[in-house]
């Protein structure tokens, strides 16, 4: 291995190490997000969402750097064995994020159902009906609440 290749390999190794640390931090962040969701802690969720966004930005920049270094050094960094544990951890992150997303979607559905019931929608938000102009018909409040 010549000096130029060693330099690229050293730089690539450093970037991959940084990527591994950031992906581990993202994994921890997603676990924290799940705990905050379970506890319905909106303050923690706001903080975690900002952290998650920052981590994803850093991971994106580092991955771009990894690809550029690989291309410049004619190194196939995607198949580098040093990348395998990080790639596996990214898969774990994706699964946790999808689970968290399903929880959020379910909670949004519950809120929509509650709002539909409060607004007098007898279907509980389960089925929307459309008016003659093709738009949904929503009553702003129920008859019972309007009488109170």
C-alpha atoms as a PDB file:
ATOM      1  CA  UNK A   1       0.000   0.000   0.000  1.00  0.00           C
ATOM      2  CA  UNK A   2       1.527   3.327  -1.019  1.00  0.00           C
ATOM      3  CA  UNK A   3       1.524   6.492   1.101  1.00  0.00           C
ATOM      4  CA  UNK A   4      -1.416   8.043  -0.795  1.00  0.00           C
ATOM      5  CA  UNK A   5      -3.549   4.963  -0.262  1.00  0.00           C
ATOM      6  CA  UNK A   6      -2.605   4.879   3.425  1.00  0.00           C
ATOM      7  CA  UNK A   7      -3.657   8.525   3.746  1.00  0.00           C
ATOM      8  CA  UNK A   8      -7.033   7.840   2.134  1.00  0.00           C
ATOM      9  CA  UNK A   9      -7.476   4.718   4.252  1.00  0.00           C
ATOM     10  CA  UNK A  10      -6.594   6.622   7.447  1.00  0.00           C
ATOM     11  CA  UNK A  11      -8.981   9.435   6.562  1.00  0.00           C
ATOM     12  CA  UNK A  12     -11.696   6.929   5.674  1.00  0.00           C
ATOM     13  CA  UNK A  13     -11.129   5.058   8.921  1.00  0.00           C
ATOM     14  CA  UNK A  14     -11.471   8.298  10.888  1.00  0.00           C
ATOM     15  CA  UNK A  15     -14.714   9.207   9.108  1.00  0.00           C
ATOM     16  CA  UNK A  16     -16.088   5.718   9.648  1.00  0.00           C
ATOM     17  CA  UNK A  17     -15.250   5.986  13.349  1.00  0.00           C
ATOM     18  CA  UNK A  18     -17.051   9.336  13.543  1.00  0.00           C
ATOM     19  CA  UNK A  19     -20.007   7.839  11.686  1.00  0.00           C
ATOM     20  CA  UNK A  20     -20.143   4.885  14.077  1.00  0.00           C
ATOM     21  CA  UNK A  21     -20.216   7.235  17.093  1.00  0.00           C
ATOM     22  CA  UNK A  22     -22.944   9.405  15.563  1.00  0.00           C
ATOM     23  CA  UNK A  23     -25.053   6.372  14.613  1.00  0.00           C
ATOM     24  CA  UNK A  24     -24.680   5.034  18.172  1.00  0.00           C
ATOM     25  CA  UNK A  25     -25.802   8.441  19.462  1.00  0.00           C
ATOM     26  CA  UNK A  26     -28.800   8.322  17.089  1.00  0.00           C
ATOM     27  CA  UNK A  27     -29.664   4.851  18.388  1.00  0.00           C
ATOM     28  CA  UNK A  28     -29.621   6.149  21.971  1.00  0.00           C
ATOM     29  CA  UNK A  29     -31.680   9.161  20.912  1.00  0.00           C
ATOM     30  CA  UNK A  30     -34.314   6.905  19.336  1.00  0.00           C
ATOM     31  CA  UNK A  31     -34.504   4.825  22.516  1.00  0.00           C
ATOM     32  CA  UNK A  32     -34.981   8.069  24.483  1.00  0.00           C
ATOM     33  CA  UNK A  33     -37.673   9.094  21.999  1.00  0.00           C
ATOM     34  CA  UNK A  34     -39.509   5.815  22.602  1.00  0.00           C
ATOM     35  CA  UNK A  35     -39.358   6.334  26.369  1.00  0.00           C
ATOM     36  CA  UNK A  36     -40.656   9.904  25.995  1.00  0.00           C
ATOM     37  CA  UNK A  37     -43.482   8.612  23.783  1.00  0.00           C
ATOM     38  CA  UNK A  38     -44.348   5.954  26.359  1.00  0.00           C
ATOM     39  CA  UNK A  39     -44.427   8.638  29.068  1.00  0.00           C
ATOM     40  CA  UNK A  40     -46.212  11.184  26.830  1.00  0.00           C
ATOM     41  CA  UNK A  41     -43.481  13.671  27.739  1.00  0.00           C
ATOM     42  CA  UNK A  42     -43.895  16.421  25.152  1.00  0.00           C
ATOM     43  CA  UNK A  43     -41.034  18.563  26.510  1.00  0.00           C
ATOM     44  CA  UNK A  44     -38.608  15.658  26.208  1.00  0.00           C
ATOM     45  CA  UNK A  45     -39.956  14.868  22.734  1.00  0.00           C
ATOM     46  CA  UNK A  46     -39.225  18.414  21.561  1.00  0.00           C
ATOM     47  CA  UNK A  47     -35.653  18.217  22.839  1.00  0.00           C
ATOM     48  CA  UNK A  48     -35.153  14.750  21.377  1.00  0.00           C
ATOM     49  CA  UNK A  49     -36.571  15.817  18.003  1.00  0.00           C
ATOM     50  CA  UNK A  50     -34.025  18.636  17.790  1.00  0.00           C
ATOM     51  CA  UNK A  51     -31.207  16.279  18.798  1.00  0.00           C
ATOM     52  CA  UNK A  52     -32.352  13.667  16.294  1.00  0.00           C
ATOM     53  CA  UNK A  53     -32.389  16.260  13.519  1.00  0.00           C
ATOM     54  CA  UNK A  54     -28.869  17.412  14.374  1.00  0.00           C
ATOM     55  CA  UNK A  55     -27.593  13.835  14.501  1.00  0.00           C
ATOM     56  CA  UNK A  56     -29.166  13.010  11.143  1.00  0.00           C
ATOM     57  CA  UNK A  57     -27.574  16.113   9.613  1.00  0.00           C
ATOM     58  CA  UNK A  58     -24.129  15.114  10.955  1.00  0.00           C
ATOM     59  CA  UNK A  59     -24.582  11.515   9.817  1.00  0.00           C
ATOM     60  CA  UNK A  60     -25.560  12.703   6.345  1.00  0.00           C
ATOM     61  CA  UNK A  61     -22.480  14.956   6.117  1.00  0.00           C
ATOM     62  CA  UNK A  62     -20.166  12.204   7.361  1.00  0.00           C
ATOM     63  CA  UNK A  63     -21.641   9.654   4.970  1.00  0.00           C
ATOM     64  CA  UNK A  64     -21.159  12.075   2.100  1.00  0.00           C
ATOM     65  CA  UNK A  65     -17.536  12.528   3.202  1.00  0.00           C
ATOM     66  CA  UNK A  66     -17.120   8.736   3.401  1.00  0.00           C
ATOM     67  CA  UNK A  67     -18.393   8.325  -0.158  1.00  0.00           C
ATOM     68  CA  UNK A  68     -16.177  11.145  -1.448  1.00  0.00           C
ATOM     69  CA  UNK A  69     -13.084   9.701   0.232  1.00  0.00           C
ATOM     70  CA  UNK A  70     -13.874   6.272  -1.136  1.00  0.00           C
ATOM     71  CA  UNK A  71     -14.292   7.628  -4.650  1.00  0.00           C
ATOM     72  CA  UNK A  72     -11.154   9.782  -4.456  1.00  0.00           C
ATOM     73  CA  UNK A  73      -9.048   6.896  -3.119  1.00  0.00           C
ATOM     74  CA  UNK A  74     -10.697   4.327  -5.394  1.00  0.00           C
ATOM     75  CA  UNK A  75     -11.806   2.439  -2.274  1.00  0.00           C
ATOM     76  CA  UNK A  76     -15.134   0.578  -2.061  1.00  0.00           C
ATOM     77  CA  UNK A  77     -16.073   1.915   1.368  1.00  0.00           C
ATOM     78  CA  UNK A  78     -19.600   0.442   1.250  1.00  0.00           C
ATOM     79  CA  UNK A  79     -18.115  -3.075   1.292  1.00  0.00           C
ATOM     80  CA  UNK A  80     -15.403  -2.250   3.824  1.00  0.00           C
ATOM     81  CA  UNK A  81     -15.703  -4.688   6.757  1.00  0.00           C
ATOM     82  CA  UNK A  82     -15.230  -1.756   9.167  1.00  0.00           C
ATOM     83  CA  UNK A  83     -18.560  -0.412   7.907  1.00  0.00           C
ATOM     84  CA  UNK A  84     -20.592  -3.581   8.677  1.00  0.00           C
ATOM     85  CA  UNK A  85     -21.273  -2.926  12.400  1.00  0.00           C
ATOM     86  CA  UNK A  86     -22.338   0.649  11.684  1.00  0.00           C
ATOM     87  CA  UNK A  87     -24.527  -0.463   8.801  1.00  0.00           C
ATOM     88  CA  UNK A  88     -26.175  -3.029  11.083  1.00  0.00           C
ATOM     89  CA  UNK A  89     -26.765  -0.347  13.730  1.00  0.00           C
ATOM     90  CA  UNK A  90     -28.361   1.886  11.074  1.00  0.00           C
ATOM     91  CA  UNK A  91     -30.810  -0.957  10.388  1.00  0.00           C
ATOM     92  CA  UNK A  92     -31.648  -1.103  14.100  1.00  0.00           C
ATOM     93  CA  UNK A  93     -32.188   2.661  14.085  1.00  0.00           C
ATOM     94  CA  UNK A  94     -34.541   2.349  11.135  1.00  0.00           C
ATOM     95  CA  UNK A  95     -36.620  -0.290  12.949  1.00  0.00           C
ATOM     96  CA  UNK A  96     -36.853   1.770  16.147  1.00  0.00           C
ATOM     97  CA  UNK A  97     -37.721   4.895  14.167  1.00  0.00           C
ATOM     98  CA  UNK A  98     -40.477   3.033  12.281  1.00  0.00           C
ATOM     99  CA  UNK A  99     -41.921   1.751  15.573  1.00  0.00           C
ATOM    100  CA  UNK A 100     -41.813   5.268  17.028  1.00  0.00           C
ATOM    101  CA  UNK A 101     -43.510   6.568  13.885  1.00  0.00           C
ATOM    102  CA  UNK A 102     -46.301   4.000  14.223  1.00  0.00           C
ATOM    103  CA  UNK A 103     -46.834   5.072  17.832  1.00  0.00           C
ATOM    104  CA  UNK A 104     -47.047   8.723  16.783  1.00  0.00           C
ATOM    105  CA  UNK A 105     -49.463   7.880  13.947  1.00  0.00           C
ATOM    106  CA  UNK A 106     -51.643   5.888  16.308  1.00  0.00           C
ATOM    107  CA  UNK A 107     -51.740   8.749  18.795  1.00  0.00           C
ATOM    108  CA  UNK A 108     -52.623  11.217  16.035  1.00  0.00           C
ATOM    109  CA  UNK A 109     -55.457   8.895  15.031  1.00  0.00           C
ATOM    110  CA  UNK A 110     -56.722   8.847  18.621  1.00  0.00           C
ATOM    111  CA  UNK A 111     -56.626  12.642  18.809  1.00  0.00           C
ATOM    112  CA  UNK A 112     -58.499  12.915  15.503  1.00  0.00           C
ATOM    113  CA  UNK A 113     -61.151  10.511  16.758  1.00  0.00           C
ATOM    114  CA  UNK A 114     -61.528  12.479  19.969  1.00  0.00           C
ATOM    115  CA  UNK A 115     -61.815  15.746  18.047  1.00  0.00           C
ATOM    116  CA  UNK A 116     -64.385  14.184  15.725  1.00  0.00           C
ATOM    117  CA  UNK A 117     -66.451  13.071  18.691  1.00  0.00           C
ATOM    118  CA  UNK A 118     -66.200  16.479  20.332  1.00  0.00           C
ATOM    119  CA  UNK A 119     -67.220  18.174  17.093  1.00  0.00           C
ATOM    120  CA  UNK A 120     -70.308  15.972  16.829  1.00  0.00           C
ATOM    121  CA  UNK A 121     -69.154  13.535  14.185  1.00  0.00           C
ATOM    122  CA  UNK A 122     -71.213  10.449  15.027  1.00  0.00           C
ATOM    123  CA  UNK A 123     -68.749   8.170  13.214  1.00  0.00           C
ATOM    124  CA  UNK A 124     -65.926   9.166  15.569  1.00  0.00           C
ATOM    125  CA  UNK A 125     -63.816  10.209  12.603  1.00  0.00           C
ATOM    126  CA  UNK A 126     -63.807   6.691  11.176  1.00  0.00           C
ATOM    127  CA  UNK A 127     -65.443   7.586   7.876  1.00  0.00           C
ATOM    128  CA  UNK A 128     -65.516  10.988   6.256  1.00  0.00           C
ATOM    129  CA  UNK A 129     -68.431  12.027   4.081  1.00  0.00           C
ATOM    130  CA  UNK A 130     -68.214  14.420   1.199  1.00  0.00           C
ATOM    131  CA  UNK A 131     -70.565  17.225   0.313  1.00  0.00           C
ATOM    132  CA  UNK A 132     -71.897  18.051  -3.138  1.00  0.00           C
ATOM    133  CA  UNK A 133     -68.771  20.069  -3.977  1.00  0.00           C
ATOM    134  CA  UNK A 134     -66.412  17.199  -3.119  1.00  0.00           C
ATOM    135  CA  UNK A 135     -65.170  18.579   0.192  1.00  0.00           C
ATOM    136  CA  UNK A 136     -65.581  16.940   3.574  1.00  0.00           C
ATOM    137  CA  UNK A 137     -68.308  18.216   5.792  1.00  0.00           C
ATOM    138  CA  UNK A 138     -67.195  19.066   9.314  1.00  0.00           C
ATOM    139  CA  UNK A 139     -69.432  20.499  11.985  1.00  0.00           C
ATOM    140  CA  UNK A 140     -67.521  22.707  14.362  1.00  0.00           C
ATOM    141  CA  UNK A 141     -69.299  21.581  17.528  1.00  0.00           C
ATOM    142  CA  UNK A 142     -71.822  19.051  18.634  1.00  0.00           C
ATOM    143  CA  UNK A 143     -75.422  19.970  19.275  1.00  0.00           C
ATOM    144  CA  UNK A 144     -75.060  19.018  22.925  1.00  0.00           C
ATOM    145  CA  UNK A 145     -72.004  21.209  23.435  1.00  0.00           C
ATOM    146  CA  UNK A 146     -73.689  24.073  21.564  1.00  0.00           C
ATOM    147  CA  UNK A 147     -76.652  23.934  23.955  1.00  0.00           C
ATOM    148  CA  UNK A 148     -74.431  24.083  27.014  1.00  0.00           C
END
